[in-house]
Amino acid sequence: MTLPDAFLSRPIAHRAYHDKTQGRPENSRAAIRAAVDAGYGIEIDLQLSADGQAMVFHDYDLTRLTGQPGALALHTAAALGAMPLLHGAEGIPTLPEILTIIAGRSALLIEIKDQDGEMGPNVGPLEQATADALRSYTGPVAIMSFNPYSIMEIRRLAPDLPRGLTTSAYRHEDWAPLPAAVCDRLRDIPDYDRSGASFISHEAFDLSRPRVAELKSQGAAVLCWTIRSPQAEAEARRIAQNVTFEGYPA
């Protein structure tokens, strides 16, 4: 499936249009509403709850964003929903809750977080929860992941959903404890074709990588992450067709 034009026409707010000084934590309902109101596309992250629900949350551990210790995966969706996000007034939302808020008004770019820490084939439950939530959703939506096995599973479960790969320079010092051999393998984006991807979202400082140009010449849409200034946005747009941004109004 080709990436819809909606993902190329407006900047995409990284973890939604968050600003904790304004009571809008990342990946929160408030940040989602702000992005819709500002007319931006929206990027969110998904983790899996103990009872198999797709939760809109970036980290594996709860501490940074809630102040509570421990792994998100040890808690049910109901418990996570009752756990307030720091600098906000609401708990951790589920994907269906966020879909109801957006209701097709903004392009939604969903990143499925790797669940086994090795970018390996141990996938399934989070991809199934994601596909189930999106089954009747009619707004512009696309799925991506750093783990190519996750996108291959989405291809199997929901072949009509646009899908892509989140990609990186994979410097091992940035990715430890991910094994160096895995970093070396993923760096050149070897799974683009077999995952049925139609786009990549690449690490911004590494956009000059020849493999990015090669994929773009073959028709891949090129997004990038994460832009934090107008100057960086202008530089990225020399190669990327759109940006994922935070910390300023793109």
C-alpha atoms as a PDB file:
ATOM      1  CA  MET A   1       0.000   0.000   0.000  1.00  0.00           C
ATOM      2  CA  THR A   2       1.313   3.437  -0.984  1.00  0.00           C
ATOM      3  CA  LEU A   3       1.700   6.034   1.764  1.00  0.00           C
ATOM      4  CA  PRO A   4      -1.277   8.425   1.418  1.00  0.00           C
ATOM      5  CA  ASP A   5      -0.589  12.040   0.450  1.00  0.00           C
ATOM      6  CA  ALA A   6      -1.908  13.147   3.860  1.00  0.00           C
ATOM      7  CA  PHE A   7       1.425  12.011   5.353  1.00  0.00           C
ATOM      8  CA  LEU A   8       3.393  14.272   3.025  1.00  0.00           C
ATOM      9  CA  SER A   9       1.343  17.458   3.120  1.00  0.00           C
ATOM     10  CA  ARG A  10       1.575  18.501   6.794  1.00  0.00           C
ATOM     11  CA  PRO A  11       4.397  18.132   9.347  1.00  0.00           C
ATOM     12  CA  ILE A  12       3.969  15.205  11.736  1.00  0.00           C
ATOM     13  CA  ALA A  13       4.023  15.917  15.479  1.00  0.00           C
ATOM     14  CA  HIS A  14       6.385  13.490  17.228  1.00  0.00           C
ATOM     15  CA  ARG A  15       4.539  11.664  20.027  1.00  0.00           C
ATOM     16  CA  ALA A  16       1.741  14.139  19.192  1.00  0.00           C
ATOM     17  CA  TYR A  17       1.994  17.905  19.741  1.00  0.00           C
ATOM     18  CA  HIS A  18       3.353  17.633  23.248  1.00  0.00           C
ATOM     19  CA  ASP A  19       4.458  20.407  25.604  1.00  0.00           C
ATOM     20  CA  LYS A  20       4.597  19.481  29.267  1.00  0.00           C
ATOM     21  CA  THR A  21       4.694  23.163  30.273  1.00  0.00           C
ATOM     22  CA  GLN A  22       1.199  23.403  28.767  1.00  0.00           C
ATOM     23  CA  GLY A  23      -0.078  20.213  30.383  1.00  0.00           C
ATOM     24  CA  ARG A  24       0.383  18.108  27.236  1.00  0.00           C
ATOM     25  CA  PRO A  25       2.670  15.117  27.936  1.00  0.00           C
ATOM     26  CA  GLU A  26       3.955  13.091  25.008  1.00  0.00           C
ATOM     27  CA  ASN A  27       1.511  10.543  23.561  1.00  0.00           C
ATOM     28  CA  SER A  28      -1.286  11.966  25.714  1.00  0.00           C
ATOM     29  CA  ARG A  29      -4.867  12.715  24.817  1.00  0.00           C
ATOM     30  CA  ALA A  30      -4.141  16.431  25.338  1.00  0.00           C
ATOM     31  CA  ALA A  31      -1.204  16.299  22.913  1.00  0.00           C
ATOM     32  CA  ILE A  32      -3.380  14.474  20.369  1.00  0.00           C
ATOM     33  CA  ARG A  33      -6.112  17.103  20.626  1.00  0.00           C
ATOM     34  CA  ALA A  34      -3.550  19.903  20.246  1.00  0.00           C
ATOM     35  CA  ALA A  35      -2.109  18.317  17.101  1.00  0.00           C
ATOM     36  CA  VAL A  36      -5.552  17.957  15.549  1.00  0.00           C
ATOM     37  CA  ASP A  37      -6.384  21.568  16.406  1.00  0.00           C
ATOM     38  CA  ALA A  38      -3.086  22.780  14.884  1.00  0.00           C
ATOM     39  CA  GLY A  39      -3.648  20.793  11.696  1.00  0.00           C
ATOM     40  CA  TYR A  40      -0.597  18.574  12.091  1.00  0.00           C
ATOM     41  CA  GLY A  41      -0.169  14.917  11.349  1.00  0.00           C
ATOM     42  CA  ILE A  42       0.403  12.791  14.445  1.00  0.00           C
ATOM     43  CA  GLU A  43       3.002  10.151  15.312  1.00  0.00           C
ATOM     44  CA  ILE A  44       2.394   7.863  18.296  1.00  0.00           C
ATOM     45  CA  ASP A  45       4.061   4.818  19.851  1.00  0.00           C
ATOM     46  CA  LEU A  46       2.485   1.551  20.970  1.00  0.00           C
ATOM     47  CA  GLN A  47       3.397  -0.809  23.793  1.00  0.00           C
ATOM     48  CA  LEU A  48       1.514  -3.920  24.922  1.00  0.00           C
ATOM     49  CA  SER A  49      -0.332  -4.139  28.254  1.00  0.00           C
ATOM     50  CA  ALA A  50      -0.455  -7.276  30.400  1.00  0.00           C
ATOM     51  CA  ASP A  51      -3.924  -8.049  29.048  1.00  0.00           C
ATOM     52  CA  GLY A  52      -2.998  -7.630  25.399  1.00  0.00           C
ATOM     53  CA  GLN A  53      -4.124  -4.070  24.710  1.00  0.00           C
ATOM     54  CA  ALA A  54      -2.271  -1.573  22.490  1.00  0.00           C
ATOM     55  CA  MET A  55      -1.264   1.286  24.795  1.00  0.00           C
ATOM     56  CA  VAL A  56      -0.132   4.676  23.463  1.00  0.00           C
ATOM     57  CA  PHE A  57       3.199   5.054  25.269  1.00  0.00           C
ATOM     58  CA  HIS A  58       6.830   5.270  24.189  1.00  0.00           C
ATOM     59  CA  ASP A  59       8.958   3.675  26.910  1.00  0.00           C
ATOM     60  CA  TYR A  60       9.098   0.103  28.153  1.00  0.00           C
ATOM     61  CA  ASP A  61       9.499   1.411  31.704  1.00  0.00           C
ATOM     62  CA  LEU A  62       6.919   3.660  33.343  1.00  0.00           C
ATOM     63  CA  THR A  63       9.271   5.808  35.421  1.00  0.00           C
ATOM     64  CA  ARG A  64      10.157   8.689  33.078  1.00  0.00           C
ATOM     65  CA  LEU A  65       6.595   9.455  32.049  1.00  0.00           C
ATOM     66  CA  THR A  66       4.543   8.498  35.118  1.00  0.00           C
ATOM     67  CA  GLY A  67       6.940   8.522  38.066  1.00  0.00           C
ATOM     68  CA  GLN A  68       5.891   4.942  38.831  1.00  0.00           C
ATOM     69  CA  PRO A  69       8.543   2.186  38.767  1.00  0.00           C
ATOM     70  CA  GLY A  70       8.395  -0.953  36.676  1.00  0.00           C
ATOM     71  CA  ALA A  71       7.511  -2.146  33.197  1.00  0.00           C
ATOM     72  CA  LEU A  72       4.339  -1.115  31.409  1.00  0.00           C
ATOM     73  CA  ALA A  73       3.880  -4.716  30.243  1.00  0.00           C
ATOM     74  CA  LEU A  74       3.206  -5.850  33.828  1.00  0.00           C
ATOM     75  CA  HIS A  75       0.003  -3.777  34.128  1.00  0.00           C
ATOM     76  CA  THR A  76      -3.461  -4.117  32.628  1.00  0.00           C
ATOM     77  CA  ALA A  77      -4.950  -1.511  30.327  1.00  0.00           C
ATOM     78  CA  ALA A  78      -7.353  -0.442  33.080  1.00  0.00           C
ATOM     79  CA  ALA A  79      -4.527   0.050  35.570  1.00  0.00           C
ATOM     80  CA  LEU A  80      -2.492   1.996  33.025  1.00  0.00           C
ATOM     81  CA  GLY A  81      -5.482   4.146  32.162  1.00  0.00           C
ATOM     82  CA  ALA A  82      -5.778   5.083  35.826  1.00  0.00           C
ATOM     83  CA  MET A  83      -2.058   5.945  36.072  1.00  0.00           C
ATOM     84  CA  PRO A  84      -1.640   9.712  35.530  1.00  0.00           C
ATOM     85  CA  LEU A  85       1.043  10.920  33.171  1.00  0.00           C
ATOM     86  CA  LEU A  86       3.458  13.412  34.687  1.00  0.00           C
ATOM     87  CA  HIS A  87       2.659  17.029  33.759  1.00  0.00           C
ATOM     88  CA  GLY A  88      -0.832  16.006  32.654  1.00  0.00           C
ATOM     89  CA  ALA A  89      -4.289  15.326  33.994  1.00  0.00           C
ATOM     90  CA  GLU A  90      -5.035  11.942  32.397  1.00  0.00           C
ATOM     91  CA  GLY A  91      -3.740   8.381  32.371  1.00  0.00           C
ATOM     92  CA  ILE A  92      -2.149   6.324  29.620  1.00  0.00           C
ATOM     93  CA  PRO A  93      -4.558   5.960  26.675  1.00  0.00           C
ATOM     94  CA  THR A  94      -5.321   2.923  24.552  1.00  0.00           C
ATOM     95  CA  LEU A  95      -5.108   3.029  20.773  1.00  0.00           C
ATOM     96  CA  PRO A  96      -8.918   2.792  20.375  1.00  0.00           C
ATOM     97  CA  GLU A  97      -9.311   5.852  22.645  1.00  0.00           C
ATOM     98  CA  ILE A  98      -6.904   7.837  20.492  1.00  0.00           C
ATOM     99  CA  LEU A  99      -8.641   6.773  17.292  1.00  0.00           C
ATOM    100  CA  THR A 100     -11.910   8.075  18.703  1.00  0.00           C
ATOM    101  CA  ILE A 101     -10.325  11.450  19.464  1.00  0.00           C
ATOM    102  CA  ILE A 102      -8.694  11.837  16.039  1.00  0.00           C
ATOM    103  CA  ALA A 103     -11.685  10.485  14.108  1.00  0.00           C
ATOM    104  CA  GLY A 104      -9.911  10.811  10.763  1.00  0.00           C
ATOM    105  CA  ARG A 105      -9.150  14.509  11.117  1.00  0.00           C
ATOM    106  CA  SER A 106      -5.344  14.080  11.072  1.00  0.00           C
ATOM    107  CA  ALA A 107      -2.995  11.604   9.443  1.00  0.00           C
ATOM    108  CA  LEU A 108      -1.902   9.078  12.090  1.00  0.00           C
ATOM    109  CA  LEU A 109       1.538   7.472  11.924  1.00  0.00           C
ATOM    110  CA  ILE A 110       1.774   4.562  14.379  1.00  0.00           C
ATOM    111  CA  GLU A 111       5.100   3.130  15.521  1.00  0.00           C
ATOM    112  CA  ILE A 112       4.935  -0.367  16.965  1.00  0.00           C
ATOM    113  CA  LYS A 113       7.723  -0.685  19.517  1.00  0.00           C
ATOM    114  CA  ASP A 114       9.950  -3.766  19.406  1.00  0.00           C
ATOM    115  CA  GLN A 115       8.884  -6.082  22.225  1.00  0.00           C
ATOM    116  CA  ASP A 116      11.802  -8.485  22.658  1.00  0.00           C
ATOM    117  CA  GLY A 117      14.752  -6.087  22.593  1.00  0.00           C
ATOM    118  CA  GLU A 118      16.447  -7.854  19.685  1.00  0.00           C
ATOM    119  CA  MET A 119      14.422  -6.762  16.625  1.00  0.00           C
ATOM    120  CA  GLY A 120      13.671 -10.428  16.099  1.00  0.00           C
ATOM    121  CA  PRO A 121      10.738 -12.610  15.039  1.00  0.00           C
ATOM    122  CA  ASN A 122       9.147 -12.785  18.492  1.00  0.00           C
ATOM    123  CA  VAL A 123       6.168 -10.701  17.392  1.00  0.00           C
ATOM    124  CA  GLY A 124       2.414 -11.108  17.182  1.00  0.00           C
ATOM    125  CA  PRO A 125       0.331  -9.913  20.153  1.00  0.00           C
ATOM    126  CA  LEU A 126       0.930  -6.169  19.759  1.00  0.00           C
ATOM    127  CA  GLU A 127       0.543  -6.362  15.991  1.00  0.00           C
ATOM    128  CA  GLN A 128      -2.735  -8.253  16.446  1.00  0.00           C
ATOM    129  CA  ALA A 129      -4.040  -5.673  18.935  1.00  0.00           C
ATOM    130  CA  THR A 130      -3.096  -2.897  16.513  1.00  0.00           C
ATOM    131  CA  ALA A 131      -4.755  -4.537  13.533  1.00  0.00           C
ATOM    132  CA  ASP A 132      -7.885  -5.250  15.564  1.00  0.00           C
ATOM    133  CA  ALA A 133      -8.152  -1.613  16.700  1.00  0.00           C
ATOM    134  CA  LEU A 134      -7.756  -0.336  13.141  1.00  0.00           C
ATOM    135  CA  ARG A 135     -10.121  -2.766  11.468  1.00  0.00           C
ATOM    136  CA  SER A 136     -13.003  -0.308  11.183  1.00  0.00           C
ATOM    137  CA  TYR A 137     -10.989   2.940  11.240  1.00  0.00           C
ATOM    138  CA  THR A 138     -11.391   4.952   8.047  1.00  0.00           C
ATOM    139  CA  GLY A 139      -9.015   7.886   8.621  1.00  0.00           C
ATOM    140  CA  PRO A 140      -5.527   8.161   7.087  1.00  0.00           C
ATOM    141  CA  VAL A 141      -3.258   5.807   9.034  1.00  0.00           C
ATOM    142  CA  ALA A 142       0.104   4.105   8.456  1.00  0.00           C
ATOM    143  CA  ILE A 143       2.131   1.635  10.529  1.00  0.00           C
ATOM    144  CA  MET A 144       5.898   1.542  11.002  1.00  0.00           C
ATOM    145  CA  SER A 145       8.438  -0.156  13.244  1.00  0.00           C
ATOM    146  CA  PHE A 146      12.181  -0.496  13.667  1.00  0.00           C
ATOM    147  CA  ASN A 147      11.570  -4.244  13.789  1.00  0.00           C
ATOM    148  CA  PRO A 148      11.029  -5.519  10.233  1.00  0.00           C
ATOM    149  CA  TYR A 149       9.398  -8.693  11.566  1.00  0.00           C
ATOM    150  CA  SER A 150       6.702  -6.514  13.104  1.00  0.00           C
ATOM    151  CA  ILE A 151       5.929  -4.961   9.740  1.00  0.00           C
ATOM    152  CA  MET A 152       5.913  -8.369   8.071  1.00  0.00           C
ATOM    153  CA  GLU A 153       3.349  -9.454  10.648  1.00  0.00           C
ATOM    154  CA  ILE A 154       1.235  -6.353   9.959  1.00  0.00           C
ATOM    155  CA  ARG A 155       1.447  -7.222   6.270  1.00  0.00           C
ATOM    156  CA  ARG A 156      -0.030 -10.626   7.098  1.00  0.00           C
ATOM    157  CA  LEU A 157      -2.709  -9.368   9.484  1.00  0.00           C
ATOM    158  CA  ALA A 158      -3.775  -6.194   7.667  1.00  0.00           C
ATOM    159  CA  PRO A 159      -2.411  -6.214   4.113  1.00  0.00           C
ATOM    160  CA  ASP A 160      -4.353  -3.094   3.142  1.00  0.00           C
ATOM    161  CA  LEU A 161      -2.717  -0.876   5.775  1.00  0.00           C
ATOM    162  CA  PRO A 162       0.142   1.320   4.487  1.00  0.00           C
ATOM    163  CA  ARG A 163       3.342   0.224   6.219  1.00  0.00           C
ATOM    164  CA  GLY A 164       6.962   1.261   6.441  1.00  0.00           C
ATOM    165  CA  LEU A 165      10.196   0.907   8.374  1.00  0.00           C
ATOM    166  CA  THR A 166      11.591   3.233  10.994  1.00  0.00           C
ATOM    167  CA  THR A 167      15.295   3.331  10.129  1.00  0.00           C
ATOM    168  CA  SER A 168      18.512   4.579  11.640  1.00  0.00           C
ATOM    169  CA  ALA A 169      22.263   4.922  11.366  1.00  0.00           C
ATOM    170  CA  TYR A 170      22.291   2.186  14.028  1.00  0.00           C
ATOM    171  CA  ARG A 171      25.417   3.348  15.804  1.00  0.00           C
ATOM    172  CA  HIS A 172      25.921   0.597  18.319  1.00  0.00           C
ATOM    173  CA  GLU A 173      26.747   2.991  21.152  1.00  0.00           C
ATOM    174  CA  ASP A 174      23.280   4.520  20.719  1.00  0.00           C
ATOM    175  CA  TRP A 175      21.486   1.172  20.513  1.00  0.00           C
ATOM    176  CA  ALA A 176      23.169  -0.990  23.164  1.00  0.00           C
ATOM    177  CA  PRO A 177      22.205  -3.538  24.415  1.00  0.00           C
ATOM    178  CA  LEU A 178      20.931  -4.351  20.912  1.00  0.00           C
ATOM    179  CA  PRO A 179      23.648  -6.680  19.573  1.00  0.00           C
ATOM    180  CA  ALA A 180      26.187  -5.047  17.274  1.00  0.00           C
ATOM    181  CA  ALA A 181      25.521  -7.687  14.627  1.00  0.00           C
ATOM    182  CA  VAL A 182      21.851  -6.692  14.525  1.00  0.00           C
ATOM    183  CA  CYS A 183      22.798  -3.016  14.178  1.00  0.00           C
ATOM    184  CA  ASP A 184      25.145  -3.863  11.344  1.00  0.00           C
ATOM    185  CA  ARG A 185      22.459  -5.839   9.563  1.00  0.00           C
ATOM    186  CA  LEU A 186      19.658  -3.283   9.904  1.00  0.00           C
ATOM    187  CA  ARG A 187      21.770  -0.273   8.969  1.00  0.00           C
ATOM    188  CA  ASP A 188      21.359  -0.793   5.229  1.00  0.00           C
ATOM    189  CA  ILE A 189      17.612  -1.434   5.399  1.00  0.00           C
ATOM    190  CA  PRO A 190      17.748  -4.951   3.924  1.00  0.00           C
ATOM    191  CA  ASP A 191      14.118  -5.840   4.665  1.00  0.00           C
ATOM    192  CA  TYR A 192      12.367  -3.049   2.755  1.00  0.00           C
ATOM    193  CA  ASP A 193      11.089  -5.200  -0.094  1.00  0.00           C
ATOM    194  CA  ARG A 194      10.154  -8.334   1.823  1.00  0.00           C
ATOM    195  CA  SER A 195       8.201  -6.318   4.393  1.00  0.00           C
ATOM    196  CA  GLY A 196       6.103  -4.763   1.636  1.00  0.00           C
ATOM    197  CA  ALA A 197       7.033  -1.285   2.841  1.00  0.00           C
ATOM    198  CA  SER A 198       6.156   1.849   0.906  1.00  0.00           C
ATOM    199  CA  PHE A 199       8.088   4.338   3.050  1.00  0.00           C
ATOM    200  CA  ILE A 200      10.847   4.801   5.573  1.00  0.00           C
ATOM    201  CA  SER A 201      11.147   7.229   8.453  1.00  0.00           C
ATOM    202  CA  HIS A 202      14.901   7.711   8.768  1.00  0.00           C
ATOM    203  CA  GLU A 203      17.115   9.248  11.434  1.00  0.00           C
ATOM    204  CA  ALA A 204      17.514  12.873  10.338  1.00  0.00           C
ATOM    205  CA  PHE A 205      21.280  13.288  10.679  1.00  0.00           C
ATOM    206  CA  ASP A 206      21.799  10.178   8.521  1.00  0.00           C
ATOM    207  CA  LEU A 207      19.581  11.169   5.579  1.00  0.00           C
ATOM    208  CA  SER A 208      22.601  11.406   3.258  1.00  0.00           C
ATOM    209  CA  ARG A 209      23.117   7.637   3.460  1.00  0.00           C
ATOM    210  CA  PRO A 210      23.246   6.224  -0.106  1.00  0.00           C
ATOM    211  CA  ARG A 211      20.664   3.559   0.728  1.00  0.00           C
ATOM    212  CA  VAL A 212      18.111   6.306   1.486  1.00  0.00           C
ATOM    213  CA  ALA A 213      18.683   7.855  -1.944  1.00  0.00           C
ATOM    214  CA  GLU A 214      18.444   4.422  -3.556  1.00  0.00           C
ATOM    215  CA  LEU A 215      15.090   3.671  -1.950  1.00  0.00           C
ATOM    216  CA  LYS A 216      13.772   7.130  -2.796  1.00  0.00           C
ATOM    217  CA  SER A 217      14.782   6.647  -6.446  1.00  0.00           C
ATOM    218  CA  GLN A 218      12.819   3.385  -6.422  1.00  0.00           C
ATOM    219  CA  GLY A 219       9.661   5.146  -5.250  1.00  0.00           C
ATOM    220  CA  ALA A 220       9.860   4.924  -1.464  1.00  0.00           C
ATOM    221  CA  ALA A 221       8.458   7.889   0.426  1.00  0.00           C
ATOM    222  CA  VAL A 222      11.051   9.310   2.837  1.00  0.00           C
ATOM    223  CA  LEU A 223      10.062  10.748   6.204  1.00  0.00           C
ATOM    224  CA  CYS A 224      12.507  11.520   8.986  1.00  0.00           C
ATOM    225  CA  TRP A 225      12.883  11.788  12.763  1.00  0.00           C
ATOM    226  CA  THR A 226      13.237  13.834  14.938  1.00  0.00           C
ATOM    227  CA  ILE A 227      13.464  17.496  13.887  1.00  0.00           C
ATOM    228  CA  ARG A 228      13.772  20.099  16.639  1.00  0.00           C
ATOM    229  CA  SER A 229      14.298  23.446  14.895  1.00  0.00           C
ATOM    230  CA  PRO A 230      13.319  25.329  11.718  1.00  0.00           C
ATOM    231  CA  GLN A 231      16.943  25.146  10.575  1.00  0.00           C
ATOM    232  CA  ALA A 232      17.055  21.366  10.967  1.00  0.00           C
ATOM    233  CA  GLU A 233      13.722  21.105   9.175  1.00  0.00           C
ATOM    234  CA  ALA A 234      14.983  23.077   6.184  1.00  0.00           C
ATOM    235  CA  GLU A 235      18.082  20.876   5.979  1.00  0.00           C
ATOM    236  CA  ALA A 236      16.105  17.640   6.263  1.00  0.00           C
ATOM    237  CA  ARG A 237      13.636  18.682   3.578  1.00  0.00           C
ATOM    238  CA  ARG A 238      16.443  18.713   1.021  1.00  0.00           C
ATOM    239  CA  ILE A 239      16.058  14.912   1.077  1.00  0.00           C
ATOM    240  CA  ALA A 240      12.991  13.962   3.126  1.00  0.00           C
ATOM    241  CA  GLN A 241       9.480  14.568   1.850  1.00  0.00           C
ATOM    242  CA  ASN A 242       8.197  15.292   5.346  1.00  0.00           C
ATOM    243  CA  VAL A 243       9.427  15.654   8.903  1.00  0.00           C
ATOM    244  CA  THR A 244       8.491  14.360  12.318  1.00  0.00           C
ATOM    245  CA  PHE A 245       9.089  17.242  14.715  1.00  0.00           C
ATOM    246  CA  GLU A 246       8.900  18.353  18.338  1.00  0.00           C
ATOM    247  CA  GLY A 247       9.696  21.392  20.465  1.00  0.00           C
ATOM    248  CA  TYR A 248       8.734  24.094  17.935  1.00  0.00           C
ATOM    249  CA  PRO A 249       5.839  24.812  15.545  1.00  0.00           C
ATOM    250  CA  ALA A 250       6.887  23.169  12.273  1.00  0.00           C
END
